[in-house]
Amino acid sequence: MINEKANRLQDSYNLIVDVHKYVDDLIIEAKNSSTKGFSTKQLCHIVHSVFGGKSYDIAFSYILNKRGLSRFSDSRF
């Protein structure tokens, strides 16, 4: 029972770390591309399409915290 809970916690932690790394990589790619980049919502949708589940919320919160925002304002990267 305890091992199952520990495994679920580890899985959720791994998801958070993976999503944060993926968001960072997407932002770098967006800044290096010749297009106009991605909006916050677009980045979150891309992350959700790759990771599914709660990844949209994780990415959204991470982007807000990364930019030092306490509320949503859609911006481009």
Protein backbone atom coordinates (compact mmCIF):
# COMPACT_ATOMS: atom_id res chain seq x y z
CA MET A 1 0.00 0.00 0.00
CA ILE A 2 2.73 2.46 0.95
CA ASN A 3 4.79 1.46 -2.08
CA GLU A 4 1.83 2.16 -4.37
CA LYS A 5 1.40 5.64 -2.89
CA ALA A 6 5.12 6.29 -3.18
CA ASN A 7 5.09 5.17 -6.81
CA ARG A 8 2.16 7.48 -7.61
CA LEU A 9 3.93 10.40 -5.94
CA GLN A 10 7.08 9.62 -7.92
CA ASP A 11 5.09 9.44 -11.15
CA SER A 12 3.43 12.80 -10.49
CA TYR A 13 6.81 14.33 -9.61
CA ASN A 14 8.33 12.97 -12.81
CA LEU A 15 5.44 14.44 -14.80
CA ILE A 16 6.00 17.87 -13.25
CA VAL A 17 9.73 17.80 -13.99
CA ASP A 18 9.15 16.54 -17.53
CA VAL A 19 6.51 19.20 -18.24
CA HIS A 20 8.73 22.00 -16.89
CA LYS A 21 11.66 20.83 -19.04
CA TYR A 22 9.44 20.49 -22.11
CA VAL A 23 7.98 24.00 -21.60
CA ASP A 24 11.50 25.43 -21.30
CA ASP A 25 12.50 23.67 -24.52
CA LEU A 26 9.39 24.93 -26.33
CA ILE A 27 10.09 28.50 -25.23
CA ILE A 28 13.67 28.25 -26.48
CA GLU A 29 12.46 26.88 -29.83
CA ALA A 30 9.81 29.59 -30.10
CA LYS A 31 12.41 32.31 -29.51
CA ASN A 32 14.78 30.77 -32.08
CA SER A 33 12.16 30.26 -34.79
CA SER A 34 11.33 32.73 -37.51
CA THR A 35 7.61 32.59 -36.69
CA LYS A 36 5.89 34.89 -34.25
CA GLY A 37 6.32 32.28 -31.52
CA PHE A 38 3.65 30.68 -29.37
CA SER A 39 1.12 32.14 -27.00
CA THR A 40 0.84 30.83 -23.45
CA LYS A 41 -2.33 28.95 -24.34
CA GLN A 42 -0.72 27.42 -27.42
CA LEU A 43 2.23 26.20 -25.35
CA CYS A 44 -0.12 24.67 -22.79
CA HIS A 45 -2.14 22.93 -25.51
CA ILE A 46 1.03 21.51 -27.06
CA VAL A 47 2.15 20.21 -23.67
CA HIS A 48 -1.28 18.71 -23.05
CA SER A 49 -1.25 16.94 -26.41
CA VAL A 50 2.08 15.33 -25.52
CA PHE A 51 1.60 14.51 -21.83
CA GLY A 52 -2.20 14.52 -21.37
CA GLY A 53 -3.87 14.55 -17.96
CA LYS A 54 -3.08 17.49 -15.72
CA SER A 55 -0.14 18.64 -17.81
CA TYR A 56 -2.04 21.70 -19.13
CA ASP A 57 -2.50 23.02 -15.60
CA ILE A 58 1.09 22.21 -14.65
CA ALA A 59 2.43 24.03 -17.73
CA PHE A 60 0.10 26.99 -17.22
CA SER A 61 1.14 27.43 -13.59
CA TYR A 62 4.80 27.01 -14.48
CA ILE A 63 4.64 29.68 -17.19
CA LEU A 64 2.90 32.13 -14.85
CA ASN A 65 5.47 31.51 -12.10
CA LYS A 66 8.35 31.71 -14.58
CA ARG A 67 7.17 35.12 -15.73
CA GLY A 68 6.46 36.29 -12.16
CA LEU A 69 2.76 36.73 -12.79
CA SER A 70 0.03 36.12 -10.26
CA ARG A 71 -2.74 36.08 -12.84
CA PHE A 72 -3.09 35.20 -16.49
CA SER A 73 -2.03 37.52 -19.26
CA ASP A 74 -1.55 35.87 -22.61
CA SER A 75 1.78 36.71 -24.11
CA ARG A 76 3.94 35.33 -26.87
CA PHE A 77 7.27 33.59 -26.56
